[in-house]
Amino acid sequence: MLSSIMGPVFLILGLSMLLYVKSWLQLMDKYENNHLSFMPIALFELVFGLISIHYHNVWEGGWPVLVTLIAWGLLLEGTFYMLAPGNLMKAAIRASSNKNLIVLIGLTSLFMGAFLSYQAYML
């Protein structure tokens, strides 16, 4: 069940973003200055999204659709960062370099990770 992998990953990611906002902002600044250093992350998102879609492309049945939506989001984001021209990629990274956005993404990841972990391990 992919939720048993995605849940803890998003839970830990969310906690990290909330506990280390300043470090995440510094990381985004580094990516903006050298957007090519973001390529390994884009490749990971692309591959993990494809693998997840291959094994879990569920569009009915309640909460498992969340796993499918996450997988498609990873695939689309990874594809965007792999194919986007440098200026567009830098603009997207710059837009992400916002303290409030980092906190919002951290909270979203935390709650999504907690929900998926609960579904995977507690039910």
PDB file of N, CA and C in Angstrom:
ATOM      1  N   MET A   1       0.849  -1.168   0.000  1.00  0.00           N
ATOM      2  CA  MET A   1       0.000   0.000   0.000  1.00  0.00           C
ATOM      3  C   MET A   1       0.906   1.247   0.000  1.00  0.00           C
ATOM      4  N   LEU A   2       0.746   2.079  -1.007  1.00  0.00           N
ATOM      5  CA  LEU A   2       1.606   3.257  -1.133  1.00  0.00           C
ATOM      6  C   LEU A   2       1.418   4.264   0.000  1.00  0.00           C
ATOM      7  N   SER A   3       0.271   4.254   0.634  1.00  0.00           N
ATOM      8  CA  SER A   3       0.061   5.187   1.736  1.00  0.00           C
ATOM      9  C   SER A   3       1.011   4.899   2.894  1.00  0.00           C
ATOM     10  N   SER A   4       1.475   3.652   3.013  1.00  0.00           N
ATOM     11  CA  SER A   4       2.423   3.312   4.085  1.00  0.00           C
ATOM     12  C   SER A   4       3.810   3.890   3.812  1.00  0.00           C
ATOM     13  N   ILE A   5       4.075   4.277   2.574  1.00  0.00           N
ATOM     14  CA  ILE A   5       5.331   4.949   2.223  1.00  0.00           C
ATOM     15  C   ILE A   5       5.119   6.459   2.203  1.00  0.00           C
ATOM     16  N   MET A   6       4.075   6.895   1.498  1.00  0.00           N
ATOM     17  CA  MET A   6       3.826   8.329   1.360  1.00  0.00           C
ATOM     18  C   MET A   6       3.503   8.995   2.696  1.00  0.00           C
ATOM     19  N   GLY A   7       2.772   8.306   3.545  1.00  0.00           N
ATOM     20  CA  GLY A   7       2.379   8.889   4.826  1.00  0.00           C
ATOM     21  C   GLY A   7       3.565   9.342   5.664  1.00  0.00           C
ATOM     22  N   PRO A   8       4.466   8.423   6.023  1.00  0.00           N
ATOM     23  CA  PRO A   8       5.622   8.843   6.819  1.00  0.00           C
ATOM     24  C   PRO A   8       6.516   9.867   6.115  1.00  0.00           C
ATOM     25  N   VAL A   9       6.667   9.741   4.791  1.00  0.00           N
ATOM     26  CA  VAL A   9       7.502  10.702   4.060  1.00  0.00           C
ATOM     27  C   VAL A   9       6.921  12.104   4.190  1.00  0.00           C
ATOM     28  N   PHE A  10       5.618  12.253   3.943  1.00  0.00           N
ATOM     29  CA  PHE A  10       5.004  13.574   4.036  1.00  0.00           C
ATOM     30  C   PHE A  10       4.938  14.073   5.474  1.00  0.00           C
ATOM     31  N   LEU A  11       4.763  13.172   6.418  1.00  0.00           N
ATOM     32  CA  LEU A  11       4.760  13.553   7.835  1.00  0.00           C
ATOM     33  C   LEU A  11       6.115  14.127   8.242  1.00  0.00           C
ATOM     34  N   ILE A  12       7.188  13.451   7.884  1.00  0.00           N
ATOM     35  CA  ILE A  12       8.538  13.914   8.219  1.00  0.00           C
ATOM     36  C   ILE A  12       8.880  15.191   7.449  1.00  0.00           C
ATOM     37  N   LEU A  13       8.503  15.240   6.170  1.00  0.00           N
ATOM     38  CA  LEU A  13       8.734  16.444   5.369  1.00  0.00           C
ATOM     39  C   LEU A  13       8.027  17.649   5.981  1.00  0.00           C
ATOM     40  N   GLY A  14       6.767  17.466   6.360  1.00  0.00           N
ATOM     41  CA  GLY A  14       6.003  18.560   6.970  1.00  0.00           C
ATOM     42  C   GLY A  14       6.625  19.038   8.268  1.00  0.00           C
ATOM     43  N   LEU A  15       7.034  18.105   9.114  1.00  0.00           N
ATOM     44  CA  LEU A  15       7.690  18.482  10.369  1.00  0.00           C
ATOM     45  C   LEU A  15       8.976  19.252  10.092  1.00  0.00           C
ATOM     46  N   SER A  16       9.758  18.783   9.150  1.00  0.00           N
ATOM     47  CA  SER A  16      11.006  19.455   8.806  1.00  0.00           C
ATOM     48  C   SER A  16      10.747  20.882   8.326  1.00  0.00           C
ATOM     49  N   MET A  17       9.753  21.046   7.475  1.00  0.00           N
ATOM     50  CA  MET A  17       9.459  22.386   6.946  1.00  0.00           C
ATOM     51  C   MET A  17       8.983  23.333   8.045  1.00  0.00           C
ATOM     52  N   LEU A  18       8.236  22.802   8.998  1.00  0.00           N
ATOM     53  CA  LEU A  18       7.735  23.647  10.086  1.00  0.00           C
ATOM     54  C   LEU A  18       8.821  23.956  11.118  1.00  0.00           C
ATOM     55  N   LEU A  19       9.695  23.005  11.378  1.00  0.00           N
ATOM     56  CA  LEU A  19      10.742  23.209  12.380  1.00  0.00           C
ATOM     57  C   LEU A  19      11.928  24.008  11.847  1.00  0.00           C
ATOM     58  N   TYR A  20      12.168  23.938  10.551  1.00  0.00           N
ATOM     59  CA  TYR A  20      13.361  24.554   9.959  1.00  0.00           C
ATOM     60  C   TYR A  20      13.014  25.450   8.780  1.00  0.00           C
ATOM     61  N   VAL A  21      12.066  26.352   8.985  1.00  0.00           N
ATOM     62  CA  VAL A  21      11.617  27.251   7.920  1.00  0.00           C
ATOM     63  C   VAL A  21      12.790  28.021   7.323  1.00  0.00           C
ATOM     64  N   LYS A  22      13.638  28.557   8.181  1.00  0.00           N
ATOM     65  CA  LYS A  22      14.768  29.359   7.707  1.00  0.00           C
ATOM     66  C   LYS A  22      15.691  28.531   6.806  1.00  0.00           C
ATOM     67  N   SER A  23      15.952  27.298   7.195  1.00  0.00           N
ATOM     68  CA  SER A  23      16.808  26.424   6.382  1.00  0.00           C
ATOM     69  C   SER A  23      16.163  26.118   5.033  1.00  0.00           C
ATOM     70  N   TRP A  24      14.854  25.912   5.023  1.00  0.00           N
ATOM     71  CA  TRP A  24      14.157  25.662   3.766  1.00  0.00           C
ATOM     72  C   TRP A  24      14.204  26.886   2.860  1.00  0.00           C
ATOM     73  N   LEU A  25      14.085  28.061   3.449  1.00  0.00           N
ATOM     74  CA  LEU A  25      14.191  29.289   2.649  1.00  0.00           C
ATOM     75  C   LEU A  25      15.598  29.440   2.066  1.00  0.00           C
ATOM     76  N   GLN A  26      16.619  29.109   2.843  1.00  0.00           N
ATOM     77  CA  GLN A  26      17.991  29.155   2.340  1.00  0.00           C
ATOM     78  C   GLN A  26      18.194  28.151   1.210  1.00  0.00           C
ATOM     79  N   LEU A  27      17.613  26.978   1.354  1.00  0.00           N
ATOM     80  CA  LEU A  27      17.708  25.962   0.306  1.00  0.00           C
ATOM     81  C   LEU A  27      17.051  26.447  -0.986  1.00  0.00           C
ATOM     82  N   MET A  28      15.885  27.076  -0.867  1.00  0.00           N
ATOM     83  CA  MET A  28      15.197  27.593  -2.057  1.00  0.00           C
ATOM     84  C   MET A  28      16.022  28.693  -2.719  1.00  0.00           C
ATOM     85  N   ASP A  29      16.688  29.518  -1.920  1.00  0.00           N
ATOM     86  CA  ASP A  29      17.564  30.553  -2.488  1.00  0.00           C
ATOM     87  C   ASP A  29      18.706  29.914  -3.283  1.00  0.00           C
ATOM     88  N   LYS A  30      19.273  28.834  -2.758  1.00  0.00           N
ATOM     89  CA  LYS A  30      20.352  28.141  -3.472  1.00  0.00           C
ATOM     90  C   LYS A  30      19.848  27.553  -4.781  1.00  0.00           C
ATOM     91  N   TYR A  31      18.642  26.987  -4.752  1.00  0.00           N
ATOM     92  CA  TYR A  31      18.067  26.438  -5.985  1.00  0.00           C
ATOM     93  C   TYR A  31      17.786  27.542  -6.996  1.00  0.00           C
ATOM     94  N   GLU A  32      17.364  28.701  -6.506  1.00  0.00           N
ATOM     95  CA  GLU A  32      17.081  29.812  -7.422  1.00  0.00           C
ATOM     96  C   GLU A  32      18.372  30.290  -8.084  1.00  0.00           C
ATOM     97  N   ASN A  33      19.451  30.334  -7.326  1.00  0.00           N
ATOM     98  CA  ASN A  33      20.733  30.781  -7.873  1.00  0.00           C
ATOM     99  C   ASN A  33      21.340  29.756  -8.838  1.00  0.00           C
ATOM    100  N   ASN A  34      21.043  28.481  -8.625  1.00  0.00           N
ATOM    101  CA  ASN A  34      21.551  27.427  -9.504  1.00  0.00           C
ATOM    102  C   ASN A  34      20.418  26.424  -9.718  1.00  0.00           C
ATOM    103  N   HIS A  35      19.505  26.770 -10.614  1.00  0.00           N
ATOM    104  CA  HIS A  35      18.308  25.956 -10.792  1.00  0.00           C
ATOM    105  C   HIS A  35      18.612  24.540 -11.288  1.00  0.00           C
ATOM    106  N   LEU A  36      19.759  24.316 -11.890  1.00  0.00           N
ATOM    107  CA  LEU A  36      20.103  22.970 -12.363  1.00  0.00           C
ATOM    108  C   LEU A  36      20.353  22.010 -11.207  1.00  0.00           C
ATOM    109  N   SER A  37      20.704  22.547 -10.042  1.00  0.00           N
ATOM    110  CA  SER A  37      20.903  21.677  -8.881  1.00  0.00           C
ATOM    111  C   SER A  37      19.579  21.072  -8.392  1.00  0.00           C
ATOM    112  N   PHE A  38      18.460  21.568  -8.913  1.00  0.00           N
ATOM    113  CA  PHE A  38      17.141  21.058  -8.564  1.00  0.00           C
ATOM    114  C   PHE A  38      16.774  19.816  -9.380  1.00  0.00           C
ATOM    115  N   MET A  39      17.548  19.536 -10.423  1.00  0.00           N
ATOM    116  CA  MET A  39      17.224  18.433 -11.332  1.00  0.00           C
ATOM    117  C   MET A  39      17.125  17.064 -10.657  1.00  0.00           C
ATOM    118  N   PRO A  40      18.002  16.697  -9.717  1.00  0.00           N
ATOM    119  CA  PRO A  40      17.825  15.381  -9.072  1.00  0.00           C
ATOM    120  C   PRO A  40      16.483  15.256  -8.352  1.00  0.00           C
ATOM    121  N   ILE A  41      16.018  16.334  -7.749  1.00  0.00           N
ATOM    122  CA  ILE A  41      14.713  16.298  -7.079  1.00  0.00           C
ATOM    123  C   ILE A  41      13.603  16.144  -8.115  1.00  0.00           C
ATOM    124  N   ALA A  42      13.728  16.870  -9.220  1.00  0.00           N
ATOM    125  CA  ALA A  42      12.734  16.769 -10.290  1.00  0.00           C
ATOM    126  C   ALA A  42      12.694  15.347 -10.850  1.00  0.00           C
ATOM    127  N   LEU A  43      13.849  14.743 -11.037  1.00  0.00           N
ATOM    128  CA  LEU A  43      13.908  13.374 -11.546  1.00  0.00           C
ATOM    129  C   LEU A  43      13.280  12.406 -10.546  1.00  0.00           C
ATOM    130  N   PHE A  44      13.565  12.588  -9.260  1.00  0.00           N
ATOM    131  CA  PHE A  44      12.957  11.739  -8.231  1.00  0.00           C
ATOM    132  C   PHE A  44      11.435  11.857  -8.268  1.00  0.00           C
ATOM    133  N   GLU A  45      10.918  13.093  -8.341  1.00  0.00           N
ATOM    134  CA  GLU A  45       9.473  13.298  -8.387  1.00  0.00           C
ATOM    135  C   GLU A  45       8.864  12.625  -9.619  1.00  0.00           C
ATOM    136  N   LEU A  46       9.530  12.757 -10.748  1.00  0.00           N
ATOM    137  CA  LEU A  46       9.058  12.164 -11.989  1.00  0.00           C
ATOM    138  C   LEU A  46       8.997  10.640 -11.878  1.00  0.00           C
ATOM    139  N   VAL A  47      10.077  10.024 -11.413  1.00  0.00           N
ATOM    140  CA  VAL A  47      10.129   8.557 -11.316  1.00  0.00           C
ATOM    141  C   VAL A  47       9.165   8.039 -10.248  1.00  0.00           C
ATOM    142  N   PHE A  48       9.163   8.654  -9.066  1.00  0.00           N
ATOM    143  CA  PHE A  48       8.268   8.194  -7.993  1.00  0.00           C
ATOM    144  C   PHE A  48       6.806   8.384  -8.397  1.00  0.00           C
ATOM    145  N   GLY A  49       6.502   9.489  -9.085  1.00  0.00           N
ATOM    146  CA  GLY A  49       5.144   9.710  -9.575  1.00  0.00           C
ATOM    147  C   GLY A  49       4.724   8.640 -10.560  1.00  0.00           C
ATOM    148  N   LEU A  50       5.600   8.309 -11.509  1.00  0.00           N
ATOM    149  CA  LEU A  50       5.283   7.266 -12.495  1.00  0.00           C
ATOM    150  C   LEU A  50       5.092   5.900 -11.849  1.00  0.00           C
ATOM    151  N   ILE A  51       5.986   5.547 -10.938  1.00  0.00           N
ATOM    152  CA  ILE A  51       5.867   4.260 -10.247  1.00  0.00           C
ATOM    153  C   ILE A  51       4.568   4.212  -9.444  1.00  0.00           C
ATOM    154  N   SER A  52       4.262   5.286  -8.750  1.00  0.00           N
ATOM    155  CA  SER A  52       3.044   5.326  -7.940  1.00  0.00           C
ATOM    156  C   SER A  52       1.794   5.202  -8.800  1.00  0.00           C
ATOM    157  N   ILE A  53       1.779   5.900  -9.928  1.00  0.00           N
ATOM    158  CA  ILE A  53       0.627   5.818 -10.834  1.00  0.00           C
ATOM    159  C   ILE A  53       0.502   4.413 -11.405  1.00  0.00           C
ATOM    160  N   HIS A  54       1.629   3.809 -11.741  1.00  0.00           N
ATOM    161  CA  HIS A  54       1.603   2.459 -12.303  1.00  0.00           C
ATOM    162  C   HIS A  54       0.955   1.466 -11.333  1.00  0.00           C
ATOM    163  N   TYR A  55       1.292   1.565 -10.061  1.00  0.00           N
ATOM    164  CA  TYR A  55       0.787   0.620  -9.074  1.00  0.00           C
ATOM    165  C   TYR A  55      -0.483   1.069  -8.365  1.00  0.00           C
ATOM    166  N   HIS A  56      -0.825   2.329  -8.468  1.00  0.00           N
ATOM    167  CA  HIS A  56      -1.988   2.816  -7.720  1.00  0.00           C
ATOM    168  C   HIS A  56      -2.644   3.971  -8.480  1.00  0.00           C
ATOM    169  N   ASN A  57      -3.378   3.646  -9.517  1.00  0.00           N
ATOM    170  CA  ASN A  57      -4.114   4.657 -10.278  1.00  0.00           C
ATOM    171  C   ASN A  57      -5.599   4.456 -10.005  1.00  0.00           C
ATOM    172  N   VAL A  58      -5.992   4.744  -8.762  1.00  0.00           N
ATOM    173  CA  VAL A  58      -7.342   4.481  -8.267  1.00  0.00           C
ATOM    174  C   VAL A  58      -8.142   5.777  -8.254  1.00  0.00           C
ATOM    175  N   TRP A  59      -9.288   5.766  -8.933  1.00  0.00           N
ATOM    176  CA  TRP A  59     -10.114   6.975  -9.007  1.00  0.00           C
ATOM    177  C   TRP A  59     -11.478   6.791  -8.361  1.00  0.00           C
ATOM    178  N   GLU A  60     -11.626   5.786  -7.527  1.00  0.00           N
ATOM    179  CA  GLU A  60     -12.882   5.577  -6.816  1.00  0.00           C
ATOM    180  C   GLU A  60     -12.591   4.962  -5.460  1.00  0.00           C
ATOM    181  N   GLY A  61     -13.507   5.082  -4.559  1.00  0.00           N
ATOM    182  CA  GLY A  61     -13.353   4.394  -3.292  1.00  0.00           C
ATOM    183  C   GLY A  61     -12.876   5.236  -2.125  1.00  0.00           C
ATOM    184  N   GLY A  62     -13.059   6.544  -2.157  1.00  0.00           N
ATOM    185  CA  GLY A  62     -12.759   7.366  -0.995  1.00  0.00           C
ATOM    186  C   GLY A  62     -11.318   7.818  -0.900  1.00  0.00           C
ATOM    187  N   TRP A  63     -10.727   7.658   0.281  1.00  0.00           N
ATOM    188  CA  TRP A  63      -9.415   8.244   0.567  1.00  0.00           C
ATOM    189  C   TRP A  63      -8.273   7.730  -0.320  1.00  0.00           C
ATOM    190  N   PRO A  64      -8.317   6.505  -0.890  1.00  0.00           N
ATOM    191  CA  PRO A  64      -7.206   6.090  -1.762  1.00  0.00           C
ATOM    192  C   PRO A  64      -7.005   6.998  -2.977  1.00  0.00           C
ATOM    193  N   VAL A  65      -8.020   7.760  -3.334  1.00  0.00           N
ATOM    194  CA  VAL A  65      -7.874   8.719  -4.432  1.00  0.00           C
ATOM    195  C   VAL A  65      -6.810   9.766  -4.085  1.00  0.00           C
ATOM    196  N   LEU A  66      -6.644  10.060  -2.801  1.00  0.00           N
ATOM    197  CA  LEU A  66      -5.621  11.021  -2.374  1.00  0.00           C
ATOM    198  C   LEU A  66      -4.232  10.545  -2.802  1.00  0.00           C
ATOM    199  N   VAL A  67      -3.958   9.264  -2.675  1.00  0.00           N
ATOM    200  CA  VAL A  67      -2.667   8.716  -3.094  1.00  0.00           C
ATOM    201  C   VAL A  67      -2.486   8.911  -4.601  1.00  0.00           C
ATOM    202  N   THR A  68      -3.545   8.670  -5.362  1.00  0.00           N
ATOM    203  CA  THR A  68      -3.488   8.855  -6.816  1.00  0.00           C
ATOM    204  C   THR A  68      -3.237  10.321  -7.165  1.00  0.00           C
ATOM    205  N   LEU A  69      -3.915  11.232  -6.482  1.00  0.00           N
ATOM    206  CA  LEU A  69      -3.723  12.661  -6.748  1.00  0.00           C
ATOM    207  C   LEU A  69      -2.296  13.106  -6.425  1.00  0.00           C
ATOM    208  N   ILE A  70      -1.756  12.602  -5.331  1.00  0.00           N
ATOM    209  CA  ILE A  70      -0.373  12.919  -4.976  1.00  0.00           C
ATOM    210  C   ILE A  70       0.572  12.401  -6.059  1.00  0.00           C
ATOM    211  N   ALA A  71       0.334  11.176  -6.510  1.00  0.00           N
ATOM    212  CA  ALA A  71       1.191  10.582  -7.540  1.00  0.00           C
ATOM    213  C   ALA A  71       1.155  11.416  -8.822  1.00  0.00           C
ATOM    214  N   TRP A  72      -0.037  11.809  -9.252  1.00  0.00           N
ATOM    215  CA  TRP A  72      -0.142  12.634 -10.456  1.00  0.00           C
ATOM    216  C   TRP A  72       0.497  13.997 -10.244  1.00  0.00           C
ATOM    217  N   GLY A  73       0.357  14.555  -9.044  1.00  0.00           N
ATOM    218  CA  GLY A  73       0.996  15.837  -8.744  1.00  0.00           C
ATOM    219  C   GLY A  73       2.516  15.737  -8.823  1.00  0.00           C
ATOM    220  N   LEU A  74       3.069  14.653  -8.282  1.00  0.00           N
ATOM    221  CA  LEU A  74       4.522  14.445  -8.358  1.00  0.00           C
ATOM    222  C   LEU A  74       4.974  14.302  -9.810  1.00  0.00           C
ATOM    223  N   LEU A  75       4.218  13.539 -10.582  1.00  0.00           N
ATOM    224  CA  LEU A  75       4.565  13.360 -11.990  1.00  0.00           C
ATOM    225  C   LEU A  75       4.542  14.688 -12.741  1.00  0.00           C
ATOM    226  N   LEU A  76       3.485  15.470 -12.533  1.00  0.00           N
ATOM    227  CA  LEU A  76       3.364  16.758 -13.230  1.00  0.00           C
ATOM    228  C   LEU A  76       4.438  17.744 -12.787  1.00  0.00           C
ATOM    229  N   GLU A  77       4.692  17.803 -11.490  1.00  0.00           N
ATOM    230  CA  GLU A  77       5.714  18.723 -10.990  1.00  0.00           C
ATOM    231  C   GLU A  77       7.105  18.315 -11.489  1.00  0.00           C
ATOM    232  N   GLY A  78       7.409  17.027 -11.422  1.00  0.00           N
ATOM    233  CA  GLY A  78       8.697  16.549 -11.914  1.00  0.00           C
ATOM    234  C   GLY A  78       8.864  16.825 -13.399  1.00  0.00           C
ATOM    235  N   THR A  79       7.807  16.615 -14.166  1.00  0.00           N
ATOM    236  CA  THR A  79       7.842  16.892 -15.605  1.00  0.00           C
ATOM    237  C   THR A  79       8.060  18.377 -15.853  1.00  0.00           C
ATOM    238  N   PHE A  80       7.353  19.215 -15.112  1.00  0.00           N
ATOM    239  CA  PHE A  80       7.506  20.663 -15.275  1.00  0.00           C
ATOM    240  C   PHE A  80       8.950  21.086 -15.045  1.00  0.00           C
ATOM    241  N   TYR A  81       9.522  20.647 -13.925  1.00  0.00           N
ATOM    242  CA  TYR A  81      10.887  21.066 -13.597  1.00  0.00           C
ATOM    243  C   TYR A  81      11.928  20.476 -14.556  1.00  0.00           C
ATOM    244  N   MET A  82      11.642  19.316 -15.147  1.00  0.00           N
ATOM    245  CA  MET A  82      12.580  18.733 -16.103  1.00  0.00           C
ATOM    246  C   MET A  82      12.521  19.443 -17.456  1.00  0.00           C
ATOM    247  N   LEU A  83      11.339  19.949 -17.839  1.00  0.00           N
ATOM    248  CA  LEU A  83      11.154  20.510 -19.176  1.00  0.00           C
ATOM    249  C   LEU A  83      11.075  22.029 -19.229  1.00  0.00           C
ATOM    250  N   ALA A  84      10.852  22.667 -18.099  1.00  0.00           N
ATOM    251  CA  ALA A  84      10.679  24.124 -18.088  1.00  0.00           C
ATOM    252  C   ALA A  84      11.966  24.840 -18.470  1.00  0.00           C
ATOM    253  N   PRO A  85      11.846  25.904 -19.245  1.00  0.00           N
ATOM    254  CA  PRO A  85      13.036  26.720 -19.528  1.00  0.00           C
ATOM    255  C   PRO A  85      13.587  27.306 -18.222  1.00  0.00           C
ATOM    256  N   GLY A  86      14.872  27.611 -18.203  1.00  0.00           N
ATOM    257  CA  GLY A  86      15.540  28.099 -16.997  1.00  0.00           C
ATOM    258  C   GLY A  86      14.851  29.278 -16.336  1.00  0.00           C
ATOM    259  N   ASN A  87      14.425  30.270 -17.122  1.00  0.00           N
ATOM    260  CA  ASN A  87      13.785  31.453 -16.536  1.00  0.00           C
ATOM    261  C   ASN A  87      12.470  31.106 -15.856  1.00  0.00           C
ATOM    262  N   LEU A  88      11.691  30.223 -16.466  1.00  0.00           N
ATOM    263  CA  LEU A  88      10.413  29.815 -15.877  1.00  0.00           C
ATOM    264  C   LEU A  88      10.643  29.001 -14.610  1.00  0.00           C
ATOM    265  N   MET A  89      11.635  28.137 -14.648  1.00  0.00           N
ATOM    266  CA  MET A  89      11.960  27.333 -13.477  1.00  0.00           C
ATOM    267  C   MET A  89      12.430  28.210 -12.320  1.00  0.00           C
ATOM    268  N   LYS A  90      13.283  29.186 -12.626  1.00  0.00           N
ATOM    269  CA  LYS A  90      13.741  30.115 -11.587  1.00  0.00           C
ATOM    270  C   LYS A  90      12.575  30.895 -10.993  1.00  0.00           C
ATOM    271  N   ALA A  91      11.625  31.308 -11.845  1.00  0.00           N
ATOM    272  CA  ALA A  91      10.461  32.051 -11.362  1.00  0.00           C
ATOM    273  C   ALA A  91       9.612  31.180 -10.438  1.00  0.00           C
ATOM    274  N   ALA A  92       9.440  29.909 -10.787  1.00  0.00           N
ATOM    275  CA  ALA A  92       8.662  28.997  -9.944  1.00  0.00           C
ATOM    276  C   ALA A  92       9.351  28.783  -8.602  1.00  0.00           C
ATOM    277  N   ILE A  93      10.670  28.633  -8.625  1.00  0.00           N
ATOM    278  CA  ILE A  93      11.425  28.451  -7.381  1.00  0.00           C
ATOM    279  C   ILE A  93      11.353  29.725  -6.541  1.00  0.00           C
ATOM    280  N   ARG A  94      11.474  30.889  -7.192  1.00  0.00           N
ATOM    281  CA  ARG A  94      11.401  32.173  -6.483  1.00  0.00           C
ATOM    282  C   ARG A  94      10.036  32.322  -5.804  1.00  0.00           C
ATOM    283  N   ALA A  95       8.972  31.909  -6.510  1.00  0.00           N
ATOM    284  CA  ALA A  95       7.625  32.004  -5.934  1.00  0.00           C
ATOM    285  C   ALA A  95       7.485  31.113  -4.705  1.00  0.00           C
ATOM    286  N   SER A  96       8.238  30.028  -4.671  1.00  0.00           N
ATOM    287  CA  SER A  96       8.191  29.105  -3.532  1.00  0.00           C
ATOM    288  C   SER A  96       9.024  29.584  -2.356  1.00  0.00           C
ATOM    289  N   SER A  97       9.837  30.601  -2.568  1.00  0.00           N
ATOM    290  CA  SER A  97      10.730  31.109  -1.516  1.00  0.00           C
ATOM    291  C   SER A  97      10.024  32.154  -0.659  1.00  0.00           C
ATOM    292  N   ASN A  98       8.953  31.723  -0.047  1.00  0.00           N
ATOM    293  CA  ASN A  98       8.123  32.609   0.761  1.00  0.00           C
ATOM    294  C   ASN A  98       7.859  31.898   2.084  1.00  0.00           C
ATOM    295  N   LYS A  99       8.136  32.583   3.188  1.00  0.00           N
ATOM    296  CA  LYS A  99       7.997  31.964   4.510  1.00  0.00           C
ATOM    297  C   LYS A  99       6.585  31.430   4.733  1.00  0.00           C
ATOM    298  N   ASN A 100       5.582  32.222   4.406  1.00  0.00           N
ATOM    299  CA  ASN A 100       4.200  31.782   4.624  1.00  0.00           C
ATOM    300  C   ASN A 100       3.859  30.559   3.777  1.00  0.00           C
ATOM    301  N   LEU A 101       4.380  30.517   2.560  1.00  0.00           N
ATOM    302  CA  LEU A 101       4.125  29.369   1.690  1.00  0.00           C
ATOM    303  C   LEU A 101       4.827  28.118   2.220  1.00  0.00           C
ATOM    304  N   ILE A 102       6.037  28.283   2.717  1.00  0.00           N
ATOM    305  CA  ILE A 102       6.762  27.142   3.301  1.00  0.00           C
ATOM    306  C   ILE A 102       5.972  26.575   4.483  1.00  0.00           C
ATOM    307  N   VAL A 103       5.450  27.456   5.325  1.00  0.00           N
ATOM    308  CA  VAL A 103       4.649  27.017   6.482  1.00  0.00           C
ATOM    309  C   VAL A 103       3.370  26.328   6.013  1.00  0.00           C
ATOM    310  N   LEU A 104       2.699  26.892   5.012  1.00  0.00           N
ATOM    311  CA  LEU A 104       1.464  26.293   4.488  1.00  0.00           C
ATOM    312  C   LEU A 104       1.748  24.910   3.897  1.00  0.00           C
ATOM    313  N   ILE A 105       2.795  24.809   3.118  1.00  0.00           N
ATOM    314  CA  ILE A 105       3.150  23.507   2.534  1.00  0.00           C
ATOM    315  C   ILE A 105       3.544  22.530   3.640  1.00  0.00           C
ATOM    316  N   GLY A 106       4.257  23.012   4.651  1.00  0.00           N
ATOM    317  CA  GLY A 106       4.630  22.165   5.777  1.00  0.00           C
ATOM    318  C   GLY A 106       3.410  21.643   6.520  1.00  0.00           C
ATOM    319  N   LEU A 107       2.447  22.513   6.789  1.00  0.00           N
ATOM    320  CA  LEU A 107       1.218  22.084   7.468  1.00  0.00           C
ATOM    321  C   LEU A 107       0.427  21.095   6.620  1.00  0.00           C
ATOM    322  N   THR A 108       0.326  21.392   5.330  1.00  0.00           N
ATOM    323  CA  THR A 108      -0.398  20.499   4.429  1.00  0.00           C
ATOM    324  C   THR A 108       0.272  19.129   4.391  1.00  0.00           C
ATOM    325  N   SER A 109       1.596  19.107   4.279  1.00  0.00           N
ATOM    326  CA  SER A 109       2.339  17.843   4.257  1.00  0.00           C
ATOM    327  C   SER A 109       2.172  17.087   5.574  1.00  0.00           C
ATOM    328  N   LEU A 110       2.232  17.820   6.676  1.00  0.00           N
ATOM    329  CA  LEU A 110       2.087  17.201   7.995  1.00  0.00           C
ATOM    330  C   LEU A 110       0.723  16.519   8.133  1.00  0.00           C
ATOM    331  N   PHE A 111      -0.347  17.235   7.826  1.00  0.00           N
ATOM    332  CA  PHE A 111      -1.683  16.669   7.970  1.00  0.00           C
ATOM    333  C   PHE A 111      -1.940  15.547   6.966  1.00  0.00           C
ATOM    334  N   MET A 112      -1.474  15.719   5.738  1.00  0.00           N
ATOM    335  CA  MET A 112      -1.632  14.693   4.727  1.00  0.00           C
ATOM    336  C   MET A 112      -0.845  13.440   5.137  1.00  0.00           C
ATOM    337  N   GLY A 113       0.366  13.629   5.628  1.00  0.00           N
ATOM    338  CA  GLY A 113       1.174  12.499   6.082  1.00  0.00           C
ATOM    339  C   GLY A 113       0.555  11.787   7.268  1.00  0.00           C
ATOM    340  N   ALA A 114       0.017  12.561   8.204  1.00  0.00           N
ATOM    341  CA  ALA A 114      -0.636  11.952   9.369  1.00  0.00           C
ATOM    342  C   ALA A 114      -1.865  11.153   8.937  1.00  0.00           C
ATOM    343  N   PHE A 115      -2.643  11.710   8.034  1.00  0.00           N
ATOM    344  CA  PHE A 115      -3.844  11.024   7.551  1.00  0.00           C
ATOM    345  C   PHE A 115      -3.480   9.728   6.828  1.00  0.00           C
ATOM    346  N   LEU A 116      -2.519   9.805   5.911  1.00  0.00           N
ATOM    347  CA  LEU A 116      -2.129   8.602   5.151  1.00  0.00           C
ATOM    348  C   LEU A 116      -1.493   7.560   6.062  1.00  0.00           C
ATOM    349  N   SER A 117      -0.687   7.995   7.034  1.00  0.00           N
ATOM    350  CA  SER A 117      -0.078   7.056   7.979  1.00  0.00           C
ATOM    351  C   SER A 117      -1.156   6.361   8.811  1.00  0.00           C
ATOM    352  N   TYR A 118      -2.135   7.127   9.256  1.00  0.00           N
ATOM    353  CA  TYR A 118      -3.237   6.565  10.022  1.00  0.00           C
ATOM    354  C   TYR A 118      -3.974   5.512   9.195  1.00  0.00           C
ATOM    355  N   GLN A 119      -4.274   5.870   7.950  1.00  0.00           N
ATOM    356  CA  GLN A 119      -4.989   4.925   7.081  1.00  0.00           C
ATOM    357  C   GLN A 119      -4.160   3.660   6.827  1.00  0.00           C
ATOM    358  N   ALA A 120      -2.862   3.818   6.701  1.00  0.00           N
ATOM    359  CA  ALA A 120      -2.003   2.673   6.393  1.00  0.00           C
ATOM    360  C   ALA A 120      -1.718   1.784   7.595  1.00  0.00           C
ATOM    361  N   TYR A 121      -1.520   2.398   8.753  1.00  0.00           N
ATOM    362  CA  TYR A 121      -1.024   1.635   9.892  1.00  0.00           C
ATOM    363  C   TYR A 121      -2.043   1.401  11.017  1.00  0.00           C
ATOM    364  N   MET A 122      -3.084   2.209  11.080  1.00  0.00           N
ATOM    365  CA  MET A 122      -4.008   2.103  12.199  1.00  0.00           C
ATOM    366  C   MET A 122      -5.309   1.409  11.840  1.00  0.00           C
ATOM    367  N   LEU A 123      -5.614   1.316  10.575  1.00  0.00           N
ATOM    368  CA  LEU A 123      -6.888   0.693  10.189  1.00  0.00           C
ATOM    369  C   LEU A 123      -6.689  -0.706   9.649  1.00  0.00           C
TER     370      LEU A 123
END
